[in-house]
């Protein structure tokens, strides 16, 4: 079994003609939910803005291992920013995987599941 079998593409990278032809208008992702993107934006904003507000950390005390507060506060934000950035990446990639799976499955689920995930906008035509 080759790598291209079952993927919808021929071995040379062109769309395979298995009943549905891929065009520029073929949806490759389903509709987006705004919550993961808003959450990722808030996490990234916190990682950027808190270290840029010196009024929060421009103090000498308390000292930690001889370092003034303003040094170790900035150093503390290095792993915190890495964790926040990683979490934002995870949220966005998880949503992208969901959207791609939804497009492969043929659209959003119908019935009660769609109304539960509709969010503030409700069902859109």
N, C-alpha and C. Protein backbone atom coordinates (compact mmCIF):
# COMPACT_ATOMS: atom_id res chain seq x y z
N UNK A 1 0.86 -1.18 0.00
CA UNK A 1 0.00 0.00 0.00
C UNK A 1 0.89 1.23 0.00
N UNK A 2 0.68 2.09 -0.97
CA UNK A 2 1.52 3.27 -1.06
C UNK A 2 1.01 4.36 -0.13
N UNK A 3 1.83 5.37 0.06
CA UNK A 3 1.49 6.48 0.94
C UNK A 3 0.29 7.26 0.41
N UNK A 4 0.14 7.33 -0.90
CA UNK A 4 -0.91 8.15 -1.50
C UNK A 4 -2.26 7.44 -1.54
N UNK A 5 -2.30 6.11 -1.34
CA UNK A 5 -3.56 5.40 -1.42
C UNK A 5 -4.50 5.82 -0.30
N UNK A 6 -5.74 6.11 -0.66
CA UNK A 6 -6.74 6.47 0.33
C UNK A 6 -6.65 7.91 0.79
N UNK A 7 -5.71 8.67 0.28
CA UNK A 7 -5.58 10.05 0.74
C UNK A 7 -6.33 11.03 -0.14
N UNK A 8 -6.83 10.57 -1.32
CA UNK A 8 -7.51 11.47 -2.23
C UNK A 8 -6.57 12.13 -3.21
N UNK A 9 -5.29 11.75 -3.18
CA UNK A 9 -4.29 12.32 -4.07
C UNK A 9 -3.55 11.19 -4.78
N UNK A 10 -3.16 11.44 -6.02
CA UNK A 10 -2.38 10.47 -6.76
C UNK A 10 -0.93 10.55 -6.30
N UNK A 11 -0.10 9.57 -6.66
CA UNK A 11 1.30 9.58 -6.22
C UNK A 11 2.06 10.83 -6.64
N UNK A 12 1.66 11.49 -7.75
CA UNK A 12 2.37 12.70 -8.16
C UNK A 12 1.82 13.96 -7.50
N UNK A 13 0.88 13.84 -6.57
CA UNK A 13 0.40 14.98 -5.80
C UNK A 13 -0.86 15.61 -6.33
N UNK A 14 -1.36 15.14 -7.47
CA UNK A 14 -2.59 15.69 -8.01
C UNK A 14 -3.79 15.02 -7.37
N UNK A 15 -4.94 15.72 -7.41
CA UNK A 15 -6.16 15.17 -6.83
C UNK A 15 -6.58 13.93 -7.60
N UNK A 16 -6.89 12.87 -6.87
CA UNK A 16 -7.32 11.63 -7.50
C UNK A 16 -8.77 11.76 -7.89
N UNK A 17 -9.13 11.11 -8.98
CA UNK A 17 -10.52 11.19 -9.44
C UNK A 17 -11.29 9.99 -8.92
N UNK A 18 -11.68 10.04 -7.67
CA UNK A 18 -12.44 8.96 -7.06
C UNK A 18 -13.88 9.39 -6.80
N UNK A 19 -14.45 10.16 -7.74
CA UNK A 19 -15.84 10.57 -7.58
C UNK A 19 -15.97 12.05 -7.27
N UNK A 20 -15.10 12.59 -6.44
CA UNK A 20 -15.18 14.02 -6.13
C UNK A 20 -13.84 14.67 -6.46
N UNK A 21 -13.90 15.66 -7.28
CA UNK A 21 -12.70 16.35 -7.73
C UNK A 21 -12.45 17.55 -6.82
N UNK A 22 -11.22 17.68 -6.33
CA UNK A 22 -10.87 18.82 -5.50
C UNK A 22 -10.65 20.04 -6.37
N UNK A 23 -11.25 21.15 -6.00
CA UNK A 23 -11.08 22.41 -6.71
C UNK A 23 -10.65 23.47 -5.72
N UNK A 24 -10.47 24.69 -6.21
CA UNK A 24 -10.12 25.79 -5.31
C UNK A 24 -11.25 26.09 -4.33
N UNK A 25 -12.48 25.74 -4.70
CA UNK A 25 -13.63 26.03 -3.86
C UNK A 25 -13.99 24.90 -2.91
N UNK A 26 -13.25 23.79 -2.96
CA UNK A 26 -13.52 22.68 -2.06
C UNK A 26 -13.13 23.06 -0.64
N UNK A 27 -14.08 22.89 0.27
CA UNK A 27 -13.81 23.24 1.67
C UNK A 27 -12.86 22.22 2.27
N UNK A 28 -11.79 22.70 2.88
CA UNK A 28 -10.86 21.79 3.56
C UNK A 28 -10.99 21.91 5.07
N UNK A 29 -11.77 22.88 5.53
CA UNK A 29 -12.04 23.04 6.97
C UNK A 29 -13.50 23.39 7.17
N UNK A 30 -14.04 22.92 8.28
CA UNK A 30 -15.40 23.26 8.63
C UNK A 30 -15.45 24.64 9.26
N UNK A 31 -16.64 25.08 9.68
CA UNK A 31 -16.76 26.40 10.30
C UNK A 31 -15.99 26.49 11.62
N UNK A 32 -15.46 27.66 11.88
CA UNK A 32 -14.65 27.87 13.08
C UNK A 32 -15.52 28.26 14.27
N UNK A 33 -15.12 27.80 15.43
CA UNK A 33 -15.71 28.27 16.68
C UNK A 33 -14.76 29.33 17.22
N UNK A 34 -15.27 30.47 17.68
CA UNK A 34 -14.37 31.55 18.10
C UNK A 34 -13.69 31.31 19.45
N UNK A 35 -14.24 30.50 20.31
CA UNK A 35 -13.72 30.35 21.68
C UNK A 35 -12.25 29.94 21.74
N UNK A 36 -11.79 28.92 20.98
CA UNK A 36 -10.37 28.56 21.07
C UNK A 36 -9.44 29.68 20.62
N UNK A 37 -9.85 30.43 19.60
CA UNK A 37 -9.01 31.51 19.10
C UNK A 37 -8.98 32.68 20.08
N UNK A 38 -10.10 32.97 20.70
CA UNK A 38 -10.13 34.03 21.72
C UNK A 38 -9.28 33.63 22.91
N UNK A 39 -9.40 32.38 23.35
CA UNK A 39 -8.59 31.89 24.46
C UNK A 39 -7.11 31.95 24.17
N UNK A 40 -6.72 31.55 22.95
CA UNK A 40 -5.31 31.60 22.56
C UNK A 40 -4.82 33.05 22.52
N UNK A 41 -5.65 33.95 22.04
CA UNK A 41 -5.27 35.37 22.01
C UNK A 41 -5.07 35.95 23.40
N UNK A 42 -5.92 35.56 24.33
CA UNK A 42 -5.79 36.04 25.72
C UNK A 42 -4.50 35.50 26.34
N UNK A 43 -4.21 34.22 26.11
CA UNK A 43 -2.97 33.65 26.65
C UNK A 43 -1.73 34.33 26.09
N UNK A 44 -1.73 34.57 24.77
CA UNK A 44 -0.58 35.23 24.15
C UNK A 44 -0.47 36.69 24.59
N UNK A 45 -1.61 37.37 24.76
CA UNK A 45 -1.58 38.75 25.23
C UNK A 45 -1.01 38.83 26.64
N UNK A 46 -1.38 37.88 27.51
CA UNK A 46 -0.83 37.87 28.87
C UNK A 46 0.68 37.65 28.84
N UNK A 47 1.14 36.74 27.98
CA UNK A 47 2.58 36.45 27.91
C UNK A 47 3.37 37.66 27.39
N UNK A 48 2.73 38.51 26.61
CA UNK A 48 3.41 39.68 26.06
C UNK A 48 3.27 40.89 26.98
N UNK A 49 2.07 41.13 27.45
CA UNK A 49 1.79 42.39 28.16
C UNK A 49 2.32 42.43 29.59
N UNK A 50 2.20 41.36 30.36
CA UNK A 50 2.65 41.41 31.75
C UNK A 50 4.14 41.73 31.90
N UNK A 51 5.03 41.12 31.11
CA UNK A 51 6.43 41.52 31.23
C UNK A 51 6.72 42.94 30.75
N UNK A 52 5.81 43.53 29.98
CA UNK A 52 6.02 44.89 29.47
C UNK A 52 5.45 45.97 30.39
N UNK A 53 4.94 45.60 31.54
CA UNK A 53 4.37 46.58 32.47
C UNK A 53 5.30 46.72 33.68
N UNK A 54 6.27 47.64 33.60
CA UNK A 54 7.28 47.74 34.67
C UNK A 54 6.71 48.18 36.02
N UNK A 55 5.55 48.82 36.03
CA UNK A 55 4.99 49.22 37.32
C UNK A 55 4.64 48.01 38.19
N UNK A 56 4.55 46.83 37.58
CA UNK A 56 4.27 45.61 38.34
C UNK A 56 5.51 45.04 39.03
N UNK A 57 6.70 45.36 38.52
CA UNK A 57 7.89 44.67 39.03
C UNK A 57 9.09 45.59 39.26
N UNK A 58 8.93 46.87 39.28
CA UNK A 58 10.09 47.76 39.46
C UNK A 58 10.40 47.98 40.94
N UNK A 59 10.65 46.88 41.62
CA UNK A 59 10.97 46.92 43.05
C UNK A 59 12.26 46.15 43.30
N UNK A 60 12.95 46.54 44.35
CA UNK A 60 14.18 45.85 44.74
C UNK A 60 13.87 44.64 45.61
N UNK A 61 12.91 44.78 46.50
CA UNK A 61 12.56 43.70 47.42
C UNK A 61 11.28 43.04 46.93
N UNK A 62 11.07 41.81 47.19
CA UNK A 62 11.89 40.83 47.90
C UNK A 62 12.99 40.27 47.00
N UNK A 63 14.09 39.94 47.64
CA UNK A 63 15.21 39.37 46.91
C UNK A 63 15.14 37.84 46.98
N UNK A 64 15.57 37.22 45.92
CA UNK A 64 15.59 35.77 45.84
C UNK A 64 16.99 35.36 45.43
N UNK A 65 17.70 34.70 46.33
CA UNK A 65 19.09 34.28 46.11
C UNK A 65 19.97 35.47 45.74
N UNK A 66 19.71 36.62 46.34
CA UNK A 66 20.50 37.81 46.10
C UNK A 66 20.07 38.63 44.91
N UNK A 67 19.14 38.11 44.11
CA UNK A 67 18.66 38.84 42.95
C UNK A 67 17.50 39.75 43.33
N UNK A 68 17.51 40.99 42.89
CA UNK A 68 16.36 41.86 43.15
C UNK A 68 15.11 41.33 42.45
N UNK A 69 13.97 41.75 42.94
CA UNK A 69 12.68 41.28 42.44
C UNK A 69 12.55 41.50 40.94
N UNK A 70 12.98 42.67 40.45
CA UNK A 70 12.77 42.96 39.03
C UNK A 70 13.55 42.03 38.12
N UNK A 71 14.63 41.41 38.58
CA UNK A 71 15.35 40.42 37.77
C UNK A 71 14.64 39.08 37.77
N UNK A 72 14.33 38.57 38.96
CA UNK A 72 13.76 37.23 38.98
C UNK A 72 12.31 37.21 38.51
N UNK A 73 11.61 38.34 38.58
CA UNK A 73 10.26 38.41 38.02
C UNK A 73 10.33 38.23 36.50
N UNK A 74 11.27 38.93 35.84
CA UNK A 74 11.42 38.79 34.40
C UNK A 74 11.87 37.37 34.03
N UNK A 75 12.77 36.80 34.80
CA UNK A 75 13.22 35.44 34.53
C UNK A 75 12.09 34.42 34.74
N UNK A 76 11.21 34.70 35.67
CA UNK A 76 10.07 33.82 35.93
C UNK A 76 9.12 33.79 34.73
N UNK A 77 9.05 34.89 34.00
CA UNK A 77 8.15 34.95 32.86
C UNK A 77 8.66 34.13 31.67
N UNK A 78 9.89 33.70 31.64
CA UNK A 78 10.39 32.87 30.54
C UNK A 78 9.66 31.53 30.51
N UNK A 79 9.64 30.74 31.59
CA UNK A 79 8.88 29.48 31.52
C UNK A 79 7.36 29.70 31.47
N UNK A 80 6.88 30.76 32.14
CA UNK A 80 5.44 31.04 32.09
C UNK A 80 5.01 31.33 30.66
N UNK A 81 5.80 32.14 29.95
CA UNK A 81 5.47 32.46 28.56
C UNK A 81 5.54 31.22 27.67
N UNK A 82 6.49 30.35 27.93
CA UNK A 82 6.58 29.11 27.16
C UNK A 82 5.34 28.25 27.38
N UNK A 83 4.87 28.15 28.61
CA UNK A 83 3.68 27.37 28.91
C UNK A 83 2.44 28.00 28.28
N UNK A 84 2.31 29.33 28.38
CA UNK A 84 1.16 30.01 27.78
C UNK A 84 1.17 29.88 26.26
N UNK A 85 2.33 30.00 25.64
CA UNK A 85 2.43 29.87 24.19
C UNK A 85 2.12 28.44 23.75
N UNK A 86 2.63 27.47 24.48
CA UNK A 86 2.33 26.07 24.17
C UNK A 86 0.86 25.75 24.30
N UNK A 87 0.22 26.30 25.32
CA UNK A 87 -1.22 26.08 25.51
C UNK A 87 -2.01 26.74 24.38
N UNK A 88 -1.62 27.94 23.98
CA UNK A 88 -2.30 28.62 22.86
C UNK A 88 -2.14 27.81 21.58
N UNK A 89 -0.96 27.28 21.34
CA UNK A 89 -0.72 26.44 20.16
C UNK A 89 -1.59 25.20 20.20
N UNK A 90 -1.69 24.57 21.35
CA UNK A 90 -2.50 23.36 21.50
C UNK A 90 -3.97 23.67 21.22
N UNK A 91 -4.48 24.80 21.73
CA UNK A 91 -5.87 25.17 21.50
C UNK A 91 -6.15 25.37 20.01
N UNK A 92 -5.27 26.07 19.32
CA UNK A 92 -5.49 26.37 17.91
C UNK A 92 -5.35 25.11 17.05
N UNK A 93 -4.36 24.27 17.33
CA UNK A 93 -4.21 23.05 16.52
C UNK A 93 -5.34 22.06 16.78
N UNK A 94 -5.84 22.00 18.01
CA UNK A 94 -6.97 21.13 18.31
C UNK A 94 -8.20 21.58 17.54
N UNK A 95 -8.44 22.89 17.49
CA UNK A 95 -9.57 23.42 16.73
C UNK A 95 -9.39 23.18 15.24
N UNK A 96 -8.17 23.32 14.74
CA UNK A 96 -7.92 23.08 13.32
C UNK A 96 -8.16 21.62 12.97
N UNK A 97 -7.74 20.71 13.83
CA UNK A 97 -8.00 19.28 13.59
C UNK A 97 -9.49 19.00 13.56
N UNK A 98 -10.23 19.63 14.48
CA UNK A 98 -11.68 19.43 14.52
C UNK A 98 -12.32 19.95 13.24
N UNK A 99 -11.89 21.12 12.78
CA UNK A 99 -12.45 21.70 11.56
C UNK A 99 -12.12 20.85 10.34
N UNK A 100 -10.91 20.31 10.25
CA UNK A 100 -10.55 19.46 9.11
C UNK A 100 -11.35 18.16 9.14
N UNK A 101 -11.52 17.57 10.32
CA UNK A 101 -12.30 16.34 10.43
C UNK A 101 -13.75 16.59 10.05
N UNK A 102 -14.28 17.73 10.42
CA UNK A 102 -15.65 18.07 10.08
C UNK A 102 -15.82 18.23 8.57
N UNK A 103 -14.84 18.82 7.90
CA UNK A 103 -14.91 18.98 6.45
C UNK A 103 -14.81 17.62 5.76
N UNK A 104 -13.94 16.73 6.29
CA UNK A 104 -13.82 15.40 5.70
C UNK A 104 -15.10 14.59 5.89
N UNK A 105 -15.79 14.80 7.02
CA UNK A 105 -17.01 14.06 7.30
C UNK A 105 -18.20 14.59 6.52
N UNK A 106 -18.07 15.74 5.90
CA UNK A 106 -19.16 16.24 5.08
C UNK A 106 -19.97 17.34 5.72
N UNK A 107 -19.46 18.01 6.72
CA UNK A 107 -20.18 19.14 7.29
C UNK A 107 -20.45 18.97 8.76
N UNK A 108 -21.07 19.98 9.35
CA UNK A 108 -21.35 19.93 10.79
C UNK A 108 -22.42 18.89 11.10
N UNK A 109 -22.39 18.34 12.32
CA UNK A 109 -23.41 17.36 12.69
C UNK A 109 -24.78 18.01 12.73
N UNK A 110 -25.80 17.25 12.36
CA UNK A 110 -27.15 17.80 12.37
C UNK A 110 -27.87 17.39 13.64
N UNK A 111 -28.96 18.10 13.95
CA UNK A 111 -29.76 17.76 15.11
C UNK A 111 -29.34 18.50 16.36
N UNK A 112 -29.47 17.83 17.51
CA UNK A 112 -29.22 18.46 18.81
C UNK A 112 -27.76 18.83 19.01
N UNK A 113 -26.84 18.07 18.46
CA UNK A 113 -25.41 18.36 18.65
C UNK A 113 -25.04 19.69 18.01
N UNK A 114 -25.64 20.03 16.88
CA UNK A 114 -25.32 21.29 16.21
C UNK A 114 -25.82 22.48 17.01
N UNK A 115 -27.01 22.35 17.61
CA UNK A 115 -27.52 23.48 18.39
C UNK A 115 -26.75 23.67 19.69
N UNK A 116 -26.17 22.61 20.23
CA UNK A 116 -25.37 22.74 21.44
C UNK A 116 -24.08 23.45 21.16
N UNK A 117 -23.49 23.25 19.95
CA UNK A 117 -22.23 23.88 19.59
C UNK A 117 -22.41 25.20 18.85
N UNK A 118 -23.64 25.66 18.68
CA UNK A 118 -23.89 26.84 17.84
C UNK A 118 -23.34 28.11 18.47
N UNK A 119 -23.29 28.20 19.77
CA UNK A 119 -22.74 29.39 20.43
C UNK A 119 -23.71 30.54 20.42
N UNK A 120 -23.18 31.76 20.48
CA UNK A 120 -24.01 32.94 20.58
C UNK A 120 -24.77 33.23 19.29
N UNK A 121 -24.19 32.90 18.14
CA UNK A 121 -24.79 33.25 16.86
C UNK A 121 -25.97 32.37 16.49
N UNK A 122 -26.16 31.25 17.14
CA UNK A 122 -27.23 30.35 16.79
C UNK A 122 -26.93 29.63 15.49
N UNK A 123 -27.93 28.96 14.95
CA UNK A 123 -27.75 28.27 13.67
C UNK A 123 -27.75 29.28 12.54
N UNK A 124 -26.74 29.17 11.70
CA UNK A 124 -26.63 30.09 10.58
C UNK A 124 -27.05 29.35 9.31
N UNK A 125 -27.66 30.07 8.37
CA UNK A 125 -28.08 29.41 7.13
C UNK A 125 -26.92 29.03 6.28
